[in-house]
Amino acid sequence: MRKQAVVFNGQEVGIAVPVENRLKFIAVRFNVIDLDNRLFDTVTEIRRAITEHLASSGRRAVASH
């Protein structure tokens, strides 16, 4: 595993950092900050969590700044 950008809807929203065979999500966009520092097994799982988070907060897409 290595560090990698997490892209959602065409925008970089965070970084996945390997931690003991898992991935720690480091948010770089405010609208996904609630997921910051959570551990996931795959980048696909991170993207799924982002989708669920944005849907539950009433936002369907990542807004650019």
PDB file of N, CA and C in Angstrom:
ATOM      1  N   MET A   1       0.833  -1.186   0.000  1.00  0.00           N
ATOM      2  CA  MET A   1       0.000   0.000   0.000  1.00  0.00           C
ATOM      3  C   MET A   1       0.878   1.251   0.000  1.00  0.00           C
ATOM      4  N   ARG A   2       0.344   2.286  -0.639  1.00  0.00           N
ATOM      5  CA  ARG A   2       1.056   3.562  -0.652  1.00  0.00           C
ATOM      6  C   ARG A   2       0.041   4.693  -0.591  1.00  0.00           C
ATOM      7  N   LYS A   3       0.501   5.881  -0.285  1.00  0.00           N
ATOM      8  CA  LYS A   3      -0.384   7.048  -0.247  1.00  0.00           C
ATOM      9  C   LYS A   3      -0.996   7.253  -1.616  1.00  0.00           C
ATOM     10  N   GLN A   4      -2.240   7.670  -1.642  1.00  0.00           N
ATOM     11  CA  GLN A   4      -2.874   7.968  -2.919  1.00  0.00           C
ATOM     12  C   GLN A   4      -3.980   8.998  -2.738  1.00  0.00           C
ATOM     13  N   ALA A   5      -4.180   9.766  -3.777  1.00  0.00           N
ATOM     14  CA  ALA A   5      -5.244  10.762  -3.770  1.00  0.00           C
ATOM     15  C   ALA A   5      -6.592  10.051  -3.857  1.00  0.00           C
ATOM     16  N   VAL A   6      -7.578  10.629  -3.182  1.00  0.00           N
ATOM     17  CA  VAL A   6      -8.945  10.127  -3.278  1.00  0.00           C
ATOM     18  C   VAL A   6      -9.723  11.158  -4.098  1.00  0.00           C
ATOM     19  N   VAL A   7     -10.163  10.730  -5.275  1.00  0.00           N
ATOM     20  CA  VAL A   7     -10.888  11.608  -6.192  1.00  0.00           C
ATOM     21  C   VAL A   7     -12.356  11.196  -6.181  1.00  0.00           C
ATOM     22  N   PHE A   8     -13.225  12.189  -6.050  1.00  0.00           N
ATOM     23  CA  PHE A   8     -14.660  11.943  -6.038  1.00  0.00           C
ATOM     24  C   PHE A   8     -15.328  12.984  -6.920  1.00  0.00           C
ATOM     25  N   ASN A   9     -16.125  12.549  -7.873  1.00  0.00           N
ATOM     26  CA  ASN A   9     -16.770  13.461  -8.838  1.00  0.00           C
ATOM     27  C   ASN A   9     -15.763  14.380  -9.521  1.00  0.00           C
ATOM     28  N   GLY A  10     -14.597  13.844  -9.824  1.00  0.00           N
ATOM     29  CA  GLY A  10     -13.592  14.592 -10.564  1.00  0.00           C
ATOM     30  C   GLY A  10     -12.744  15.546  -9.741  1.00  0.00           C
ATOM     31  N   GLN A  11     -12.942  15.567  -8.429  1.00  0.00           N
ATOM     32  CA  GLN A  11     -12.164  16.469  -7.580  1.00  0.00           C
ATOM     33  C   GLN A  11     -11.451  15.685  -6.479  1.00  0.00           C
ATOM     34  N   GLU A  12     -10.247  16.122  -6.168  1.00  0.00           N
ATOM     35  CA  GLU A  12      -9.515  15.507  -5.072  1.00  0.00           C
ATOM     36  C   GLU A  12     -10.135  15.968  -3.760  1.00  0.00           C
ATOM     37  N   VAL A  13     -10.610  15.003  -2.973  1.00  0.00           N
ATOM     38  CA  VAL A  13     -11.271  15.338  -1.713  1.00  0.00           C
ATOM     39  C   VAL A  13     -10.464  14.898  -0.500  1.00  0.00           C
ATOM     40  N   GLY A  14      -9.421  14.100  -0.740  1.00  0.00           N
ATOM     41  CA  GLY A  14      -8.613  13.633   0.383  1.00  0.00           C
ATOM     42  C   GLY A  14      -7.458  12.771  -0.070  1.00  0.00           C
ATOM     43  N   ILE A  15      -6.799  12.220   0.939  1.00  0.00           N
ATOM     44  CA  ILE A  15      -5.645  11.352   0.714  1.00  0.00           C
ATOM     45  C   ILE A  15      -5.854  10.093   1.539  1.00  0.00           C
ATOM     46  N   ALA A  16      -5.531   8.946   0.961  1.00  0.00           N
ATOM     47  CA  ALA A  16      -5.567   7.673   1.668  1.00  0.00           C
ATOM     48  C   ALA A  16      -4.137   7.326   2.058  1.00  0.00           C
ATOM     49  N   VAL A  17      -3.905   7.200   3.366  1.00  0.00           N
ATOM     50  CA  VAL A  17      -2.566   6.935   3.895  1.00  0.00           C
ATOM     51  C   VAL A  17      -2.558   5.555   4.555  1.00  0.00           C
ATOM     52  N   PRO A  18      -1.648   4.676   4.144  1.00  0.00           N
ATOM     53  CA  PRO A  18      -1.590   3.341   4.748  1.00  0.00           C
ATOM     54  C   PRO A  18      -1.241   3.398   6.235  1.00  0.00           C
ATOM     55  N   VAL A  19      -2.020   2.639   7.022  1.00  0.00           N
ATOM     56  CA  VAL A  19      -1.771   2.507   8.458  1.00  0.00           C
ATOM     57  C   VAL A  19      -2.099   1.069   8.839  1.00  0.00           C
ATOM     58  N   GLU A  20      -1.082   0.288   9.135  1.00  0.00           N
ATOM     59  CA  GLU A  20      -1.261  -1.100   9.566  1.00  0.00           C
ATOM     60  C   GLU A  20      -2.250  -1.879   8.689  1.00  0.00           C
ATOM     61  N   ASN A  21      -1.972  -1.993   7.419  1.00  0.00           N
ATOM     62  CA  ASN A  21      -2.773  -2.742   6.446  1.00  0.00           C
ATOM     63  C   ASN A  21      -4.173  -2.184   6.214  1.00  0.00           C
ATOM     64  N   ARG A  22      -4.398  -0.953   6.621  1.00  0.00           N
ATOM     65  CA  ARG A  22      -5.666  -0.267   6.342  1.00  0.00           C
ATOM     66  C   ARG A  22      -5.321   1.089   5.743  1.00  0.00           C
ATOM     67  N   LEU A  23      -6.326   1.871   5.427  1.00  0.00           N
ATOM     68  CA  LEU A  23      -6.117   3.201   4.859  1.00  0.00           C
ATOM     69  C   LEU A  23      -6.788   4.245   5.733  1.00  0.00           C
ATOM     70  N   LYS A  24      -6.017   5.232   6.146  1.00  0.00           N
ATOM     71  CA  LYS A  24      -6.574   6.356   6.897  1.00  0.00           C
ATOM     72  C   LYS A  24      -6.923   7.443   5.897  1.00  0.00           C
ATOM     73  N   PHE A  25      -8.151   7.940   5.988  1.00  0.00           N
ATOM     74  CA  PHE A  25      -8.601   9.001   5.096  1.00  0.00           C
ATOM     75  C   PHE A  25      -8.274  10.353   5.722  1.00  0.00           C
ATOM     76  N   ILE A  26      -7.534  11.182   4.985  1.00  0.00           N
ATOM     77  CA  ILE A  26      -7.227  12.547   5.400  1.00  0.00           C
ATOM     78  C   ILE A  26      -7.993  13.476   4.460  1.00  0.00           C
ATOM     79  N   ALA A  27      -8.992  14.157   4.992  1.00  0.00           N
ATOM     80  CA  ALA A  27      -9.852  15.023   4.181  1.00  0.00           C
ATOM     81  C   ALA A  27      -9.130  16.319   3.821  1.00  0.00           C
ATOM     82  N   VAL A  28      -9.334  16.778   2.589  1.00  0.00           N
ATOM     83  CA  VAL A  28      -8.805  18.075   2.162  1.00  0.00           C
ATOM     84  C   VAL A  28      -9.931  18.998   1.679  1.00  0.00           C
ATOM     85  N   ARG A  29     -11.165  18.532   1.783  1.00  0.00           N
ATOM     86  CA  ARG A  29     -12.345  19.336   1.448  1.00  0.00           C
ATOM     87  C   ARG A  29     -13.249  19.384   2.673  1.00  0.00           C
ATOM     88  N   PHE A  30     -13.783  20.560   2.948  1.00  0.00           N
ATOM     89  CA  PHE A  30     -14.601  20.748   4.140  1.00  0.00           C
ATOM     90  C   PHE A  30     -15.827  19.840   4.169  1.00  0.00           C
ATOM     91  N   ASN A  31     -16.444  19.605   3.018  1.00  0.00           N
ATOM     92  CA  ASN A  31     -17.687  18.843   3.021  1.00  0.00           C
ATOM     93  C   ASN A  31     -17.510  17.344   3.291  1.00  0.00           C
ATOM     94  N   VAL A  32     -16.271  16.875   3.414  1.00  0.00           N
ATOM     95  CA  VAL A  32     -16.027  15.485   3.821  1.00  0.00           C
ATOM     96  C   VAL A  32     -15.203  15.418   5.108  1.00  0.00           C
ATOM     97  N   ILE A  33     -15.094  16.530   5.805  1.00  0.00           N
ATOM     98  CA  ILE A  33     -14.249  16.608   7.008  1.00  0.00           C
ATOM     99  C   ILE A  33     -14.711  15.637   8.101  1.00  0.00           C
ATOM    100  N   ASP A  34     -15.994  15.302   8.116  1.00  0.00           N
ATOM    101  CA  ASP A  34     -16.493  14.365   9.130  1.00  0.00           C
ATOM    102  C   ASP A  34     -15.898  12.964   8.968  1.00  0.00           C
ATOM    103  N   LEU A  35     -15.344  12.668   7.803  1.00  0.00           N
ATOM    104  CA  LEU A  35     -14.725  11.361   7.557  1.00  0.00           C
ATOM    105  C   LEU A  35     -13.222  11.371   7.842  1.00  0.00           C
ATOM    106  N   ASP A  36     -12.695  12.528   8.188  1.00  0.00           N
ATOM    107  CA  ASP A  36     -11.260  12.691   8.425  1.00  0.00           C
ATOM    108  C   ASP A  36     -10.764  11.731   9.512  1.00  0.00           C
ATOM    109  N   ASN A  37      -9.652  11.096   9.251  1.00  0.00           N
ATOM    110  CA  ASN A  37      -8.974  10.167  10.161  1.00  0.00           C
ATOM    111  C   ASN A  37      -9.665   8.828  10.366  1.00  0.00           C
ATOM    112  N   ARG A  38     -10.729   8.558   9.628  1.00  0.00           N
ATOM    113  CA  ARG A  38     -11.364   7.241   9.718  1.00  0.00           C
ATOM    114  C   ARG A  38     -10.530   6.225   8.960  1.00  0.00           C
ATOM    115  N   LEU A  39     -10.581   4.982   9.405  1.00  0.00           N
ATOM    116  CA  LEU A  39      -9.848   3.894   8.754  1.00  0.00           C
ATOM    117  C   LEU A  39     -10.782   3.080   7.863  1.00  0.00           C
ATOM    118  N   PHE A  40     -10.262   2.709   6.698  1.00  0.00           N
ATOM    119  CA  PHE A  40     -11.012   1.932   5.712  1.00  0.00           C
ATOM    120  C   PHE A  40     -10.116   0.819   5.194  1.00  0.00           C
ATOM    121  N   ASP A  41     -10.731  -0.174   4.560  1.00  0.00           N
ATOM    122  CA  ASP A  41      -9.957  -1.279   3.988  1.00  0.00           C
ATOM    123  C   ASP A  41      -9.525  -1.017   2.547  1.00  0.00           C
ATOM    124  N   THR A  42     -10.318  -0.234   1.812  1.00  0.00           N
ATOM    125  CA  THR A  42     -10.007   0.036   0.403  1.00  0.00           C
ATOM    126  C   THR A  42     -10.400   1.465   0.045  1.00  0.00           C
ATOM    127  N   VAL A  43      -9.873   1.956  -1.059  1.00  0.00           N
ATOM    128  CA  VAL A  43     -10.267   3.273  -1.568  1.00  0.00           C
ATOM    129  C   VAL A  43     -11.729   3.231  -2.012  1.00  0.00           C
ATOM    130  N   THR A  44     -12.164   2.107  -2.541  1.00  0.00           N
ATOM    131  CA  THR A  44     -13.574   1.959  -2.921  1.00  0.00           C
ATOM    132  C   THR A  44     -14.476   2.156  -1.705  1.00  0.00           C
ATOM    133  N   GLU A  45     -14.067   1.628  -0.568  1.00  0.00           N
ATOM    134  CA  GLU A  45     -14.828   1.807   0.670  1.00  0.00           C
ATOM    135  C   GLU A  45     -14.848   3.282   1.085  1.00  0.00           C
ATOM    136  N   ILE A  46     -13.741   3.977   0.885  1.00  0.00           N
ATOM    137  CA  ILE A  46     -13.693   5.413   1.189  1.00  0.00           C
ATOM    138  C   ILE A  46     -14.682   6.158   0.303  1.00  0.00           C
ATOM    139  N   ARG A  47     -14.668   5.868  -0.984  1.00  0.00           N
ATOM    140  CA  ARG A  47     -15.588   6.541  -1.917  1.00  0.00           C
ATOM    141  C   ARG A  47     -17.053   6.254  -1.567  1.00  0.00           C
ATOM    142  N   ARG A  48     -17.330   5.032  -1.158  1.00  0.00           N
ATOM    143  CA  ARG A  48     -18.690   4.671  -0.752  1.00  0.00           C
ATOM    144  C   ARG A  48     -19.099   5.482   0.480  1.00  0.00           C
ATOM    145  N   ALA A  49     -18.201   5.625   1.440  1.00  0.00           N
ATOM    146  CA  ALA A  49     -18.489   6.411   2.644  1.00  0.00           C
ATOM    147  C   ALA A  49     -18.722   7.877   2.295  1.00  0.00           C
ATOM    148  N   ILE A  50     -17.962   8.400   1.341  1.00  0.00           N
ATOM    149  CA  ILE A  50     -18.150   9.787   0.898  1.00  0.00           C
ATOM    150  C   ILE A  50     -19.541   9.943   0.278  1.00  0.00           C
ATOM    151  N   THR A  51     -19.908   9.016  -0.592  1.00  0.00           N
ATOM    152  CA  THR A  51     -21.231   9.061  -1.228  1.00  0.00           C
ATOM    153  C   THR A  51     -22.330   9.064  -0.167  1.00  0.00           C
ATOM    154  N   GLU A  52     -22.237   8.160   0.794  1.00  0.00           N
ATOM    155  CA  GLU A  52     -23.247   8.070   1.852  1.00  0.00           C
ATOM    156  C   GLU A  52     -23.259   9.333   2.711  1.00  0.00           C
ATOM    157  N   HIS A  53     -22.094   9.843   3.022  1.00  0.00           N
ATOM    158  CA  HIS A  53     -21.991  11.052   3.839  1.00  0.00           C
ATOM    159  C   HIS A  53     -22.630  12.250   3.143  1.00  0.00           C
ATOM    160  N   LEU A  54     -22.302  12.447   1.886  1.00  0.00           N
ATOM    161  CA  LEU A  54     -22.853  13.589   1.153  1.00  0.00           C
ATOM    162  C   LEU A  54     -24.363  13.453   0.970  1.00  0.00           C
ATOM    163  N   ALA A  55     -24.841  12.243   0.748  1.00  0.00           N
ATOM    164  CA  ALA A  55     -26.281  12.019   0.599  1.00  0.00           C
ATOM    165  C   ALA A  55     -27.001  12.307   1.914  1.00  0.00           C
ATOM    166  N   SER A  56     -26.407  11.889   3.026  1.00  0.00           N
ATOM    167  CA  SER A  56     -27.056  12.093   4.319  1.00  0.00           C
ATOM    168  C   SER A  56     -27.026  13.553   4.765  1.00  0.00           C
ATOM    169  N   SER A  57     -26.065  14.316   4.255  1.00  0.00           N
ATOM    170  CA  SER A  57     -25.991  15.727   4.618  1.00  0.00           C
ATOM    171  C   SER A  57     -26.751  16.608   3.632  1.00  0.00           C
ATOM    172  N   GLY A  58     -27.407  15.974   2.658  1.00  0.00           N
ATOM    173  CA  GLY A  58     -28.211  16.720   1.705  1.00  0.00           C
ATOM    174  C   GLY A  58     -27.437  17.270   0.531  1.00  0.00           C
ATOM    175  N   ARG A  59     -26.170  16.905   0.405  1.00  0.00           N
ATOM    176  CA  ARG A  59     -25.340  17.364  -0.718  1.00  0.00           C
ATOM    177  C   ARG A  59     -25.087  16.196  -1.634  1.00  0.00           C
ATOM    178  N   ARG A  60     -25.338  16.353  -2.899  1.00  0.00           N
ATOM    179  CA  ARG A  60     -25.178  15.266  -3.868  1.00  0.00           C
ATOM    180  C   ARG A  60     -23.843  15.302  -4.598  1.00  0.00           C
ATOM    181  N   ALA A  61     -23.150  16.438  -4.600  1.00  0.00           N
ATOM    182  CA  ALA A  61     -21.891  16.554  -5.352  1.00  0.00           C
ATOM    183  C   ALA A  61     -20.904  17.370  -4.542  1.00  0.00           C
ATOM    184  N   VAL A  62     -19.646  17.165  -4.829  1.00  0.00           N
ATOM    185  CA  VAL A  62     -18.591  17.930  -4.185  1.00  0.00           C
ATOM    186  C   VAL A  62     -18.537  19.308  -4.838  1.00  0.00           C
ATOM    187  N   ALA A  63     -18.699  20.323  -4.032  1.00  0.00           N
ATOM    188  CA  ALA A  63     -18.662  21.699  -4.562  1.00  0.00           C
ATOM    189  C   ALA A  63     -17.222  22.195  -4.589  1.00  0.00           C
ATOM    190  N   SER A  64     -16.870  22.876  -5.653  1.00  0.00           N
ATOM    191  CA  SER A  64     -15.519  23.433  -5.725  1.00  0.00           C
ATOM    192  C   SER A  64     -15.476  24.738  -4.961  1.00  0.00           C
ATOM    193  N   HIS A  65     -14.304  25.082  -4.483  1.00  0.00           N
ATOM    194  CA  HIS A  65     -14.118  26.315  -3.704  1.00  0.00           C
ATOM    195  C   HIS A  65     -13.687  27.450  -4.561  1.00  0.00           C
TER     196      HIS A  65
END
